[in-house]
Amino acid sequence: YHYGGTGSASGGLAAVWYSYTPSENGILSISSCNGDSDSRAWLFKGDCDELVLVGMNDDRCEQSNGDAYASYKEAYVEAGATYYIMWDDRWDNVGFKWDLGFSTDAPTEAAFCQSAQAVTAGEDLFVNAFVGEAAVAGDNIFDLCSSSGSCPAGYTGSNWYSWTPEGDGTATITSCDSGTDTYLFVYTGTCGDYNSLELIASSENDCGLSSLIEGLEVTAGTTYYFEWIDDRSADPFIWRIDFVSGVDETALEQGVKVFPNPANNLLNVNVDLPEAADNLAIRMVNTFGQVVVERYYGALQTGNLQIDVSNIPAGMYLVQVMDGNAQYTHSVIVE
């Protein structure tokens, strides 16, 4: 079976399929642990001619001979939906025993995308232990998955966290201070399968062995999911989200008026923004690129700001109104 991605058919050409339809919402587990085969498992939902991947696993537990090549995977499943379990012969073509488990217990916090632990920006966050067996680990998954380097979802557990910013802005997600070997994926969308989640960022070894995502633009009211996987290390670590709110360039352009033009005494910069700027700044720059006026106003949403231009040489200037990475530029003439 070839799910897609960058793989090409070579091994895993034969498979055995099973189906399961839960009568309640709950946690489905599939396991070949302590079996006699080097196995690989896939979990799908949907119609047979239009299947959607829910999860896969290659190596997660030991075979009966002690080799760590048996499979284990969990997924949060919905009542009435049919799920398809496929075991293929990618590594071995001998028969083996496998187990299907189902529990209606509430999912452990952070173990699934659906039970992601809600977190807050601006404070240290602790991963004391990995608790989940429902890793998605990005969107690079295909039939030739043969190592954690090519598709870590088949070889790892994970913890899930969620954050919903109250305003637009930029976020930095970092575990740099921990010194731990970490691997991070960030998604938007809806928990449930590979099609409903959209990978928007990932980080491995971006500050030493740790993870760093900078300048991630985030939108108010959108939930962002952070998945940390234990493939590189299962050691505890600390991470954090640093958030800078601010208005975008469109809001600056529509909410800032500069007058009069020409000006010969006082220049007015009228500000009326849909939300408060985090650190509003105004600069005047001459035609040589030299800054002749620079003012910082901090958090500001509305106000009329006056700049004394009576002692500035006559000529053309650029007035730059800035908040974080957003900037609105307006040309004025000083007489």
C-alpha atoms as a PDB file:
ATOM      1  CA  TYR A   1       0.000   0.000   0.000  1.00  0.00           C
ATOM      2  CA  HIS A   2       1.379   3.403  -0.955  1.00  0.00           C
ATOM      3  CA  TYR A   3      -0.053   6.240   1.088  1.00  0.00           C
ATOM      4  CA  GLY A   4       1.842   9.005  -0.678  1.00  0.00           C
ATOM      5  CA  GLY A   5       4.729  11.327   0.019  1.00  0.00           C
ATOM      6  CA  THR A   6       8.195  10.844  -1.422  1.00  0.00           C
ATOM      7  CA  GLY A   7       8.468   7.067  -1.137  1.00  0.00           C
ATOM      8  CA  SER A   8       8.468   4.565  -3.980  1.00  0.00           C
ATOM      9  CA  ALA A   9       7.182   0.995  -3.875  1.00  0.00           C
ATOM     10  CA  SER A  10       9.788  -1.372  -2.421  1.00  0.00           C
ATOM     11  CA  GLY A  11       8.697  -3.668   0.351  1.00  0.00           C
ATOM     12  CA  GLY A  12       5.426  -3.415   2.223  1.00  0.00           C
ATOM     13  CA  LEU A  13       3.595  -4.536  -0.923  1.00  0.00           C
ATOM     14  CA  ALA A  14       1.384  -7.055   0.877  1.00  0.00           C
ATOM     15  CA  ALA A  15      -0.873  -6.266   3.817  1.00  0.00           C
ATOM     16  CA  VAL A  16      -3.677  -7.561   6.006  1.00  0.00           C
ATOM     17  CA  TRP A  17      -6.594  -5.245   6.786  1.00  0.00           C
ATOM     18  CA  TYR A  18      -8.944  -5.074   9.782  1.00  0.00           C
ATOM     19  CA  SER A  19     -11.759  -2.686  10.678  1.00  0.00           C
ATOM     20  CA  TYR A  20     -13.162  -1.464  13.978  1.00  0.00           C
ATOM     21  CA  THR A  21     -16.148   0.811  14.686  1.00  0.00           C
ATOM     22  CA  PRO A  22     -16.365   2.051  18.289  1.00  0.00           C
ATOM     23  CA  SER A  23     -19.780   2.644  19.833  1.00  0.00           C
ATOM     24  CA  GLU A  24     -18.383   5.382  22.080  1.00  0.00           C
ATOM     25  CA  ASN A  25     -15.643   7.964  21.894  1.00  0.00           C
ATOM     26  CA  GLY A  26     -12.441   6.647  23.388  1.00  0.00           C
ATOM     27  CA  ILE A  27      -8.835   5.583  23.008  1.00  0.00           C
ATOM     28  CA  LEU A  28      -7.950   2.891  20.477  1.00  0.00           C
ATOM     29  CA  SER A  29      -4.639   1.057  20.768  1.00  0.00           C
ATOM     30  CA  ILE A  30      -3.009  -1.443  18.423  1.00  0.00           C
ATOM     31  CA  SER A  31      -0.042  -3.514  19.548  1.00  0.00           C
ATOM     32  CA  SER A  32       2.245  -6.275  18.326  1.00  0.00           C
ATOM     33  CA  CYS A  33       4.447  -6.016  21.425  1.00  0.00           C
ATOM     34  CA  ASN A  34       6.007  -9.360  22.442  1.00  0.00           C
ATOM     35  CA  GLY A  35       5.016 -10.845  19.084  1.00  0.00           C
ATOM     36  CA  ASP A  36       7.201 -12.812  16.691  1.00  0.00           C
ATOM     37  CA  SER A  37       7.434 -10.378  13.764  1.00  0.00           C
ATOM     38  CA  ASP A  38       9.221  -7.174  12.818  1.00  0.00           C
ATOM     39  CA  SER A  39       5.917  -5.415  12.155  1.00  0.00           C
ATOM     40  CA  ARG A  40       4.593  -2.109  10.893  1.00  0.00           C
ATOM     41  CA  ALA A  41       1.055  -0.799  11.462  1.00  0.00           C
ATOM     42  CA  TRP A  42      -1.118   1.887   9.858  1.00  0.00           C
ATOM     43  CA  LEU A  43      -4.381   3.353  11.098  1.00  0.00           C
ATOM     44  CA  PHE A  44      -6.855   5.021   8.716  1.00  0.00           C
ATOM     45  CA  LYS A  45     -10.412   6.324   8.698  1.00  0.00           C
ATOM     46  CA  GLY A  46     -12.870   7.248   5.959  1.00  0.00           C
ATOM     47  CA  ASP A  47     -14.089   5.368   2.901  1.00  0.00           C
ATOM     48  CA  CYS A  48     -11.883   2.649   1.441  1.00  0.00           C
ATOM     49  CA  ASP A  49     -11.427   4.582  -1.806  1.00  0.00           C
ATOM     50  CA  GLU A  50     -10.593   7.804   0.051  1.00  0.00           C
ATOM     51  CA  LEU A  51      -8.775   6.880   3.242  1.00  0.00           C
ATOM     52  CA  VAL A  52      -7.291   9.449   5.613  1.00  0.00           C
ATOM     53  CA  LEU A  53      -4.232   8.611   7.713  1.00  0.00           C
ATOM     54  CA  VAL A  54      -4.734   8.741  11.475  1.00  0.00           C
ATOM     55  CA  GLY A  55      -1.399   7.262  12.545  1.00  0.00           C
ATOM     56  CA  MET A  56       1.348   4.729  11.893  1.00  0.00           C
ATOM     57  CA  ASN A  57       4.030   2.946  13.861  1.00  0.00           C
ATOM     58  CA  ASP A  58       7.048   0.841  13.019  1.00  0.00           C
ATOM     59  CA  ASP A  59       9.247   0.313  16.073  1.00  0.00           C
ATOM     60  CA  ARG A  60       7.980   1.164  19.549  1.00  0.00           C
ATOM     61  CA  CYS A  61       8.279  -1.963  21.717  1.00  0.00           C
ATOM     62  CA  GLU A  62      10.069  -5.320  21.881  1.00  0.00           C
ATOM     63  CA  GLN A  63       9.384  -8.547  20.021  1.00  0.00           C
ATOM     64  CA  SER A  64       9.372 -11.867  21.871  1.00  0.00           C
ATOM     65  CA  ASN A  65      13.100 -12.242  21.096  1.00  0.00           C
ATOM     66  CA  GLY A  66      13.929  -8.887  22.674  1.00  0.00           C
ATOM     67  CA  ASP A  67      14.490  -6.943  19.449  1.00  0.00           C
ATOM     68  CA  ALA A  68      12.836  -3.508  19.592  1.00  0.00           C
ATOM     69  CA  TYR A  69      10.999  -3.879  16.270  1.00  0.00           C
ATOM     70  CA  ALA A  70       7.385  -4.427  17.354  1.00  0.00           C
ATOM     71  CA  SER A  71       4.668  -1.783  16.940  1.00  0.00           C
ATOM     72  CA  TYR A  72       2.405   0.170  19.267  1.00  0.00           C
ATOM     73  CA  LYS A  73       0.088   3.089  18.466  1.00  0.00           C
ATOM     74  CA  GLU A  74      -2.779   4.921  20.135  1.00  0.00           C
ATOM     75  CA  ALA A  75      -5.425   7.226  18.692  1.00  0.00           C
ATOM     76  CA  TYR A  76      -8.417   9.077  20.061  1.00  0.00           C
ATOM     77  CA  VAL A  77     -11.396   7.782  18.063  1.00  0.00           C
ATOM     78  CA  GLU A  78     -15.026   8.833  17.615  1.00  0.00           C
ATOM     79  CA  ALA A  79     -18.192   6.815  18.085  1.00  0.00           C
ATOM     80  CA  GLY A  80     -19.705   5.482  14.871  1.00  0.00           C
ATOM     81  CA  ALA A  81     -16.638   6.104  12.703  1.00  0.00           C
ATOM     82  CA  THR A  82     -14.988   3.076  11.105  1.00  0.00           C
ATOM     83  CA  TYR A  83     -11.224   2.792  11.531  1.00  0.00           C
ATOM     84  CA  TYR A  84      -9.056   0.550   9.367  1.00  0.00           C
ATOM     85  CA  ILE A  85      -5.939  -1.149  10.733  1.00  0.00           C
ATOM     86  CA  MET A  86      -3.368  -2.319   8.210  1.00  0.00           C
ATOM     87  CA  TRP A  87      -0.335  -4.489   8.973  1.00  0.00           C
ATOM     88  CA  ASP A  88       2.141  -4.683   6.083  1.00  0.00           C
ATOM     89  CA  ASP A  89       5.181  -6.829   5.260  1.00  0.00           C
ATOM     90  CA  ARG A  90       7.721  -4.013   4.976  1.00  0.00           C
ATOM     91  CA  TRP A  91      10.191  -5.854   7.216  1.00  0.00           C
ATOM     92  CA  ASP A  92       8.840  -9.368   7.756  1.00  0.00           C
ATOM     93  CA  ASN A  93       6.286 -11.682   6.152  1.00  0.00           C
ATOM     94  CA  VAL A  94       5.658 -14.142   8.979  1.00  0.00           C
ATOM     95  CA  GLY A  95       2.452 -14.401  10.981  1.00  0.00           C
ATOM     96  CA  PHE A  96       2.167 -12.840  14.418  1.00  0.00           C
ATOM     97  CA  LYS A  97      -0.279 -12.085  17.208  1.00  0.00           C
ATOM     98  CA  TRP A  98      -1.508  -8.545  17.728  1.00  0.00           C
ATOM     99  CA  ASP A  99      -3.900  -6.879  20.166  1.00  0.00           C
ATOM    100  CA  LEU A 100      -6.572  -4.227  19.781  1.00  0.00           C
ATOM    101  CA  GLY A 101      -7.502  -2.258  22.880  1.00  0.00           C
ATOM    102  CA  PHE A 102     -10.249   0.270  23.524  1.00  0.00           C
ATOM    103  CA  SER A 103     -10.906   2.453  26.563  1.00  0.00           C
ATOM    104  CA  THR A 104     -13.587   5.028  27.306  1.00  0.00           C
ATOM    105  CA  ASP A 105     -11.471   6.619  30.044  1.00  0.00           C
ATOM    106  CA  ALA A 106     -10.783  10.320  29.608  1.00  0.00           C
ATOM    107  CA  PRO A 107      -7.545  10.799  27.663  1.00  0.00           C
ATOM    108  CA  THR A 108      -4.495  11.767  29.679  1.00  0.00           C
ATOM    109  CA  GLU A 109      -3.697  15.458  29.468  1.00  0.00           C
ATOM    110  CA  ALA A 110      -1.028  16.128  26.803  1.00  0.00           C
ATOM    111  CA  ALA A 111      -1.153  12.545  25.481  1.00  0.00           C
ATOM    112  CA  PHE A 112      -3.241  13.400  22.403  1.00  0.00           C
ATOM    113  CA  CYS A 113      -3.874  16.424  20.239  1.00  0.00           C
ATOM    114  CA  GLN A 114      -7.484  16.190  21.475  1.00  0.00           C
ATOM    115  CA  SER A 115      -6.295  16.415  25.101  1.00  0.00           C
ATOM    116  CA  ALA A 116      -3.573  18.993  24.525  1.00  0.00           C
ATOM    117  CA  GLN A 117      -2.552  20.837  27.676  1.00  0.00           C
ATOM    118  CA  ALA A 118      -3.474  24.524  27.437  1.00  0.00           C
ATOM    119  CA  VAL A 119      -0.480  26.776  28.123  1.00  0.00           C
ATOM    120  CA  THR A 120       0.179  30.486  28.555  1.00  0.00           C
ATOM    121  CA  ALA A 121       2.775  32.638  26.831  1.00  0.00           C
ATOM    122  CA  GLY A 122       5.452  34.375  28.849  1.00  0.00           C
ATOM    123  CA  GLU A 123       6.169  31.712  31.458  1.00  0.00           C
ATOM    124  CA  ASP A 124       8.384  28.659  31.801  1.00  0.00           C
ATOM    125  CA  LEU A 125       6.653  25.436  30.744  1.00  0.00           C
ATOM    126  CA  PHE A 126       7.800  22.029  31.954  1.00  0.00           C
ATOM    127  CA  VAL A 127       7.911  18.690  30.152  1.00  0.00           C
ATOM    128  CA  ASN A 128       8.627  16.372  33.055  1.00  0.00           C
ATOM    129  CA  ALA A 129       7.859  13.151  31.176  1.00  0.00           C
ATOM    130  CA  PHE A 130       6.455  12.048  27.823  1.00  0.00           C
ATOM    131  CA  VAL A 131       3.001  10.517  28.191  1.00  0.00           C
ATOM    132  CA  GLY A 132       1.608  10.088  24.662  1.00  0.00           C
ATOM    133  CA  GLU A 133       1.706   7.341  22.030  1.00  0.00           C
ATOM    134  CA  ALA A 134      -0.174   9.299  19.351  1.00  0.00           C
ATOM    135  CA  ALA A 135       2.624  11.149  17.585  1.00  0.00           C
ATOM    136  CA  VAL A 136       1.948  12.916  14.291  1.00  0.00           C
ATOM    137  CA  ALA A 137       5.460  14.396  14.040  1.00  0.00           C
ATOM    138  CA  GLY A 138       5.042  16.493  10.930  1.00  0.00           C
ATOM    139  CA  ASP A 139       3.589  15.650   7.549  1.00  0.00           C
ATOM    140  CA  ASN A 140       6.406  13.648   5.934  1.00  0.00           C
ATOM    141  CA  ILE A 141       5.059  10.113   6.080  1.00  0.00           C
ATOM    142  CA  PHE A 142       5.129   7.586   3.263  1.00  0.00           C
ATOM    143  CA  ASP A 143       5.393   3.891   2.481  1.00  0.00           C
ATOM    144  CA  LEU A 144       9.194   3.666   2.701  1.00  0.00           C
ATOM    145  CA  CYS A 145       9.365   5.093   6.227  1.00  0.00           C
ATOM    146  CA  SER A 146      12.339   3.219   7.605  1.00  0.00           C
ATOM    147  CA  SER A 147      13.863   5.427  10.298  1.00  0.00           C
ATOM    148  CA  SER A 148      13.078   8.259  12.668  1.00  0.00           C
ATOM    149  CA  GLY A 149      15.088  10.499  10.380  1.00  0.00           C
ATOM    150  CA  SER A 150      12.708  10.008   7.454  1.00  0.00           C
ATOM    151  CA  CYS A 151       9.415   9.954   9.369  1.00  0.00           C
ATOM    152  CA  PRO A 152       9.689  10.172  13.170  1.00  0.00           C
ATOM    153  CA  ALA A 153       5.954   9.508  13.678  1.00  0.00           C
ATOM    154  CA  GLY A 154       6.634   5.790  13.318  1.00  0.00           C
ATOM    155  CA  TYR A 155       9.184   5.648  16.099  1.00  0.00           C
ATOM    156  CA  THR A 156       8.269   8.131  18.786  1.00  0.00           C
ATOM    157  CA  GLY A 157       5.924   9.223  21.532  1.00  0.00           C
ATOM    158  CA  SER A 158       4.916  12.821  22.068  1.00  0.00           C
ATOM    159  CA  ASN A 159       3.333  15.460  24.273  1.00  0.00           C
ATOM    160  CA  TRP A 160       0.761  17.963  22.979  1.00  0.00           C
ATOM    161  CA  TYR A 161       0.140  21.543  24.120  1.00  0.00           C
ATOM    162  CA  SER A 162      -2.242  24.232  22.887  1.00  0.00           C
ATOM    163  CA  TRP A 163      -2.204  28.020  22.947  1.00  0.00           C
ATOM    164  CA  THR A 164      -4.757  30.538  21.682  1.00  0.00           C
ATOM    165  CA  PRO A 165      -3.451  34.133  21.534  1.00  0.00           C
ATOM    166  CA  GLU A 166      -5.884  36.917  22.366  1.00  0.00           C
ATOM    167  CA  GLY A 167      -4.310  39.289  19.854  1.00  0.00           C
ATOM    168  CA  ASP A 168      -2.393  39.248  16.592  1.00  0.00           C
ATOM    169  CA  GLY A 169       1.372  39.308  16.818  1.00  0.00           C
ATOM    170  CA  THR A 170       4.519  37.219  16.602  1.00  0.00           C
ATOM    171  CA  ALA A 171       5.634  34.325  18.777  1.00  0.00           C
ATOM    172  CA  THR A 172       8.967  32.751  19.630  1.00  0.00           C
ATOM    173  CA  ILE A 173       8.925  29.143  20.818  1.00  0.00           C
ATOM    174  CA  THR A 174      12.133  27.976  22.436  1.00  0.00           C
ATOM    175  CA  SER A 175      13.718  25.221  24.508  1.00  0.00           C
ATOM    176  CA  CYS A 176      17.195  26.724  24.035  1.00  0.00           C
ATOM    177  CA  ASP A 177      17.892  27.274  27.725  1.00  0.00           C
ATOM    178  CA  SER A 178      17.198  23.618  28.555  1.00  0.00           C
ATOM    179  CA  GLY A 179      20.237  22.173  26.787  1.00  0.00           C
ATOM    180  CA  THR A 180      18.149  19.079  25.983  1.00  0.00           C
ATOM    181  CA  ASP A 181      17.973  17.460  22.540  1.00  0.00           C
ATOM    182  CA  THR A 182      14.403  18.413  21.552  1.00  0.00           C
ATOM    183  CA  TYR A 183      12.217  18.195  18.447  1.00  0.00           C
ATOM    184  CA  LEU A 184       9.150  20.410  17.970  1.00  0.00           C
ATOM    185  CA  PHE A 185       6.243  20.608  15.518  1.00  0.00           C
ATOM    186  CA  VAL A 186       3.625  23.386  15.392  1.00  0.00           C
ATOM    187  CA  TYR A 187       0.190  22.987  13.812  1.00  0.00           C
ATOM    188  CA  THR A 188      -3.092  24.740  13.246  1.00  0.00           C
ATOM    189  CA  GLY A 189      -6.360  23.122  12.246  1.00  0.00           C
ATOM    190  CA  THR A 190      -8.418  20.414  13.907  1.00  0.00           C
ATOM    191  CA  CYS A 191      -7.249  17.374  15.853  1.00  0.00           C
ATOM    192  CA  GLY A 192      -8.119  14.023  14.318  1.00  0.00           C
ATOM    193  CA  ASP A 193      -5.922  13.046  11.368  1.00  0.00           C
ATOM    194  CA  TYR A 194      -3.107  14.103   9.082  1.00  0.00           C
ATOM    195  CA  ASN A 195      -5.462  15.978   6.749  1.00  0.00           C
ATOM    196  CA  SER A 196      -7.143  18.056   9.447  1.00  0.00           C
ATOM    197  CA  LEU A 197      -3.895  19.331  10.999  1.00  0.00           C
ATOM    198  CA  GLU A 198      -1.687  21.762   9.087  1.00  0.00           C
ATOM    199  CA  LEU A 199       2.020  21.806   9.896  1.00  0.00           C
ATOM    200  CA  ILE A 200       3.176  25.451   9.977  1.00  0.00           C
ATOM    201  CA  ALA A 201       6.618  25.168  11.610  1.00  0.00           C
ATOM    202  CA  SER A 202       9.106  22.703  13.069  1.00  0.00           C
ATOM    203  CA  SER A 203      12.477  22.877  14.771  1.00  0.00           C
ATOM    204  CA  GLU A 204      15.329  20.506  15.493  1.00  0.00           C
ATOM    205  CA  ASN A 205      18.875  21.571  16.403  1.00  0.00           C
ATOM    206  CA  ASP A 206      18.210  25.289  15.814  1.00  0.00           C
ATOM    207  CA  CYS A 207      20.047  26.331  18.990  1.00  0.00           C
ATOM    208  CA  GLY A 208      22.548  23.600  19.680  1.00  0.00           C
ATOM    209  CA  LEU A 209      20.535  20.403  20.096  1.00  0.00           C
ATOM    210  CA  SER A 210      17.446  22.309  21.209  1.00  0.00           C
ATOM    211  CA  SER A 211      14.518  23.876  19.352  1.00  0.00           C
ATOM    212  CA  LEU A 212      13.876  27.489  18.341  1.00  0.00           C
ATOM    213  CA  ILE A 213      11.137  28.997  16.176  1.00  0.00           C
ATOM    214  CA  GLU A 214      11.300  32.790  15.865  1.00  0.00           C
ATOM    215  CA  GLY A 215       8.970  35.345  14.326  1.00  0.00           C
ATOM    216  CA  LEU A 216       5.990  33.015  13.940  1.00  0.00           C
ATOM    217  CA  GLU A 217       3.045  35.197  12.941  1.00  0.00           C
ATOM    218  CA  VAL A 218      -0.029  34.271  14.968  1.00  0.00           C
ATOM    219  CA  THR A 219      -3.654  35.351  14.758  1.00  0.00           C
ATOM    220  CA  ALA A 220      -6.025  36.176  17.586  1.00  0.00           C
ATOM    221  CA  GLY A 221      -8.490  33.383  18.326  1.00  0.00           C
ATOM    222  CA  THR A 222      -6.580  30.711  16.383  1.00  0.00           C
ATOM    223  CA  THR A 223      -5.477  27.682  18.394  1.00  0.00           C
ATOM    224  CA  TYR A 224      -1.882  26.575  17.860  1.00  0.00           C
ATOM    225  CA  TYR A 225      -0.818  23.030  18.739  1.00  0.00           C
ATOM    226  CA  PHE A 226       2.732  22.289  19.889  1.00  0.00           C
ATOM    227  CA  GLU A 227       3.925  18.693  19.656  1.00  0.00           C
ATOM    228  CA  TRP A 228       7.198  17.751  21.343  1.00  0.00           C
ATOM    229  CA  ILE A 229       8.450  14.258  20.471  1.00  0.00           C
ATOM    230  CA  ASP A 230      10.806  12.016  22.439  1.00  0.00           C
ATOM    231  CA  ASP A 231      12.681  10.589  19.463  1.00  0.00           C
ATOM    232  CA  ARG A 232      15.915  12.488  20.128  1.00  0.00           C
ATOM    233  CA  SER A 233      15.695  12.428  23.926  1.00  0.00           C
ATOM    234  CA  ALA A 234      13.119  11.613  26.593  1.00  0.00           C
ATOM    235  CA  ASP A 235      14.845  13.781  29.205  1.00  0.00           C
ATOM    236  CA  PRO A 236      12.787  16.468  30.995  1.00  0.00           C
ATOM    237  CA  PHE A 237      13.164  20.024  29.739  1.00  0.00           C
ATOM    238  CA  ILE A 238      11.789  23.559  30.031  1.00  0.00           C
ATOM    239  CA  TRP A 239      10.328  25.523  27.135  1.00  0.00           C
ATOM    240  CA  ARG A 240       8.406  28.744  26.681  1.00  0.00           C
ATOM    241  CA  ILE A 241       6.371  30.870  24.298  1.00  0.00           C
ATOM    242  CA  ASP A 242       7.286  34.548  24.077  1.00  0.00           C
ATOM    243  CA  PHE A 243       4.571  36.619  22.429  1.00  0.00           C
ATOM    244  CA  VAL A 244       4.720  40.158  21.080  1.00  0.00           C
ATOM    245  CA  SER A 245       1.353  41.600  20.188  1.00  0.00           C
ATOM    246  CA  GLY A 246       0.984  44.386  17.705  1.00  0.00           C
ATOM    247  CA  VAL A 247      -0.927  45.770  14.806  1.00  0.00           C
ATOM    248  CA  ASP A 248      -0.219  44.805  11.214  1.00  0.00           C
ATOM    249  CA  GLU A 249       0.771  47.141   8.388  1.00  0.00           C
ATOM    250  CA  THR A 250      -2.762  47.368   7.018  1.00  0.00           C
ATOM    251  CA  ALA A 251      -4.043  48.541  10.398  1.00  0.00           C
ATOM    252  CA  LEU A 252      -1.263  51.126  10.610  1.00  0.00           C
ATOM    253  CA  GLU A 253      -1.958  52.413   7.116  1.00  0.00           C
ATOM    254  CA  GLN A 254      -5.673  52.720   7.780  1.00  0.00           C
ATOM    255  CA  GLY A 255      -5.355  54.042  11.316  1.00  0.00           C
ATOM    256  CA  VAL A 256      -2.648  56.708  10.969  1.00  0.00           C
ATOM    257  CA  LYS A 257      -3.149  60.212   9.528  1.00  0.00           C
ATOM    258  CA  VAL A 258      -0.258  62.657   9.073  1.00  0.00           C
ATOM    259  CA  PHE A 259      -1.053  66.396   8.648  1.00  0.00           C
ATOM    260  CA  PRO A 260      -0.619  69.168   7.665  1.00  0.00           C
ATOM    261  CA  ASN A 261       1.448  68.579   4.574  1.00  0.00           C
ATOM    262  CA  PRO A 262       3.434  70.774   4.011  1.00  0.00           C
ATOM    263  CA  ALA A 263       4.207  71.518   7.686  1.00  0.00           C
ATOM    264  CA  ASN A 264       6.169  74.433   9.105  1.00  0.00           C
ATOM    265  CA  ASN A 265       5.598  74.346  12.846  1.00  0.00           C
ATOM    266  CA  LEU A 266       3.818  71.305  14.255  1.00  0.00           C
ATOM    267  CA  LEU A 267       3.302  68.002  12.463  1.00  0.00           C
ATOM    268  CA  ASN A 268       0.343  65.949  13.706  1.00  0.00           C
ATOM    269  CA  VAL A 269       0.331  62.160  13.661  1.00  0.00           C
ATOM    270  CA  ASN A 270      -3.183  61.019  14.522  1.00  0.00           C
ATOM    271  CA  VAL A 271      -3.409  57.396  15.635  1.00  0.00           C
ATOM    272  CA  ASP A 272      -6.670  55.411  15.760  1.00  0.00           C
ATOM    273  CA  LEU A 273      -5.944  51.671  15.742  1.00  0.00           C
ATOM    274  CA  PRO A 274      -8.311  48.672  16.097  1.00  0.00           C
ATOM    275  CA  GLU A 275      -6.163  47.402  18.974  1.00  0.00           C
ATOM    276  CA  ALA A 276      -3.332  48.835  21.009  1.00  0.00           C
ATOM    277  CA  ALA A 277       0.124  48.887  19.491  1.00  0.00           C
ATOM    278  CA  ASP A 278       2.637  47.150  21.722  1.00  0.00           C
ATOM    279  CA  ASN A 279       5.447  49.684  21.334  1.00  0.00           C
ATOM    280  CA  LEU A 280       4.553  52.488  18.933  1.00  0.00           C
ATOM    281  CA  ALA A 281       7.470  54.484  17.557  1.00  0.00           C
ATOM    282  CA  ILE A 282       7.711  57.396  15.106  1.00  0.00           C
ATOM    283  CA  ARG A 283      10.778  58.419  13.131  1.00  0.00           C
ATOM    284  CA  MET A 284      11.437  61.169  10.604  1.00  0.00           C
ATOM    285  CA  VAL A 285      14.154  60.373   8.066  1.00  0.00           C
ATOM    286  CA  ASN A 286      15.698  62.837   5.589  1.00  0.00           C
ATOM    287  CA  THR A 287      16.602  62.097   1.975  1.00  0.00           C
ATOM    288  CA  PHE A 288      20.085  60.964   3.061  1.00  0.00           C
ATOM    289  CA  GLY A 289      18.601  58.268   5.308  1.00  0.00           C
ATOM    290  CA  GLN A 290      19.487  60.151   8.484  1.00  0.00           C
ATOM    291  CA  VAL A 291      17.066  59.978  11.412  1.00  0.00           C
ATOM    292  CA  VAL A 292      16.225  63.535  12.490  1.00  0.00           C
ATOM    293  CA  VAL A 293      13.373  62.740  14.907  1.00  0.00           C
ATOM    294  CA  GLU A 294      12.730  59.569  16.913  1.00  0.00           C
ATOM    295  CA  ARG A 295       9.963  59.157  19.486  1.00  0.00           C
ATOM    296  CA  TYR A 296       8.753  56.104  21.441  1.00  0.00           C
ATOM    297  CA  TYR A 297       5.212  56.016  22.827  1.00  0.00           C
ATOM    298  CA  GLY A 298       4.908  52.481  24.176  1.00  0.00           C
ATOM    299  CA  ALA A 299       1.471  50.867  24.246  1.00  0.00           C
ATOM    300  CA  LEU A 300      -0.953  53.137  22.406  1.00  0.00           C
ATOM    301  CA  GLN A 301      -4.244  52.690  20.596  1.00  0.00           C
ATOM    302  CA  THR A 302      -5.551  56.226  20.009  1.00  0.00           C
ATOM    303  CA  GLY A 303      -4.118  59.715  20.299  1.00  0.00           C
ATOM    304  CA  ASN A 304      -2.911  62.786  18.436  1.00  0.00           C
ATOM    305  CA  LEU A 305       0.875  62.992  18.556  1.00  0.00           C
ATOM    306  CA  GLN A 306       2.576  66.293  17.745  1.00  0.00           C
ATOM    307  CA  ILE A 307       6.127  66.699  16.475  1.00  0.00           C
ATOM    308  CA  ASP A 308       7.843  70.085  16.519  1.00  0.00           C
ATOM    309  CA  VAL A 309       9.411  70.584  13.068  1.00  0.00           C
ATOM    310  CA  SER A 310      10.137  74.308  13.421  1.00  0.00           C
ATOM    311  CA  ASN A 311      13.879  73.691  13.836  1.00  0.00           C
ATOM    312  CA  ILE A 312      14.179  71.056  11.119  1.00  0.00           C
ATOM    313  CA  PRO A 313      15.707  72.179   7.785  1.00  0.00           C
ATOM    314  CA  ALA A 314      13.205  72.585   4.976  1.00  0.00           C
ATOM    315  CA  GLY A 315      12.899  69.638   2.652  1.00  0.00           C
ATOM    316  CA  MET A 316      11.215  66.286   2.089  1.00  0.00           C
ATOM    317  CA  TYR A 317      11.093  63.709   4.864  1.00  0.00           C
ATOM    318  CA  LEU A 318       9.716  60.227   5.433  1.00  0.00           C
ATOM    319  CA  VAL A 319       7.578  59.767   8.534  1.00  0.00           C
ATOM    320  CA  GLN A 320       7.803  56.133   9.686  1.00  0.00           C
ATOM    321  CA  VAL A 321       5.195  54.860  12.149  1.00  0.00           C
ATOM    322  CA  MET A 322       6.232  51.471  13.544  1.00  0.00           C
ATOM    323  CA  ASP A 323       5.052  48.748  15.874  1.00  0.00           C
ATOM    324  CA  GLY A 324       7.239  45.655  16.008  1.00  0.00           C
ATOM    325  CA  ASN A 325       7.686  44.376  12.444  1.00  0.00           C
ATOM    326  CA  ALA A 326       4.830  46.511  11.070  1.00  0.00           C
ATOM    327  CA  GLN A 327       5.615  49.884   9.537  1.00  0.00           C
ATOM    328  CA  TYR A 328       3.661  52.632   7.761  1.00  0.00           C
ATOM    329  CA  THR A 329       5.604  55.285   5.832  1.00  0.00           C
ATOM    330  CA  HIS A 330       4.270  58.695   4.751  1.00  0.00           C
ATOM    331  CA  SER A 331       6.201  61.456   2.968  1.00  0.00           C
ATOM    332  CA  VAL A 332       5.909  65.057   4.176  1.00  0.00           C
ATOM    333  CA  ILE A 333       7.413  68.388   3.225  1.00  0.00           C
ATOM    334  CA  VAL A 334       8.780  70.726   5.884  1.00  0.00           C
ATOM    335  CA  GLU A 335       8.809  74.392   4.865  1.00  0.00           C
END
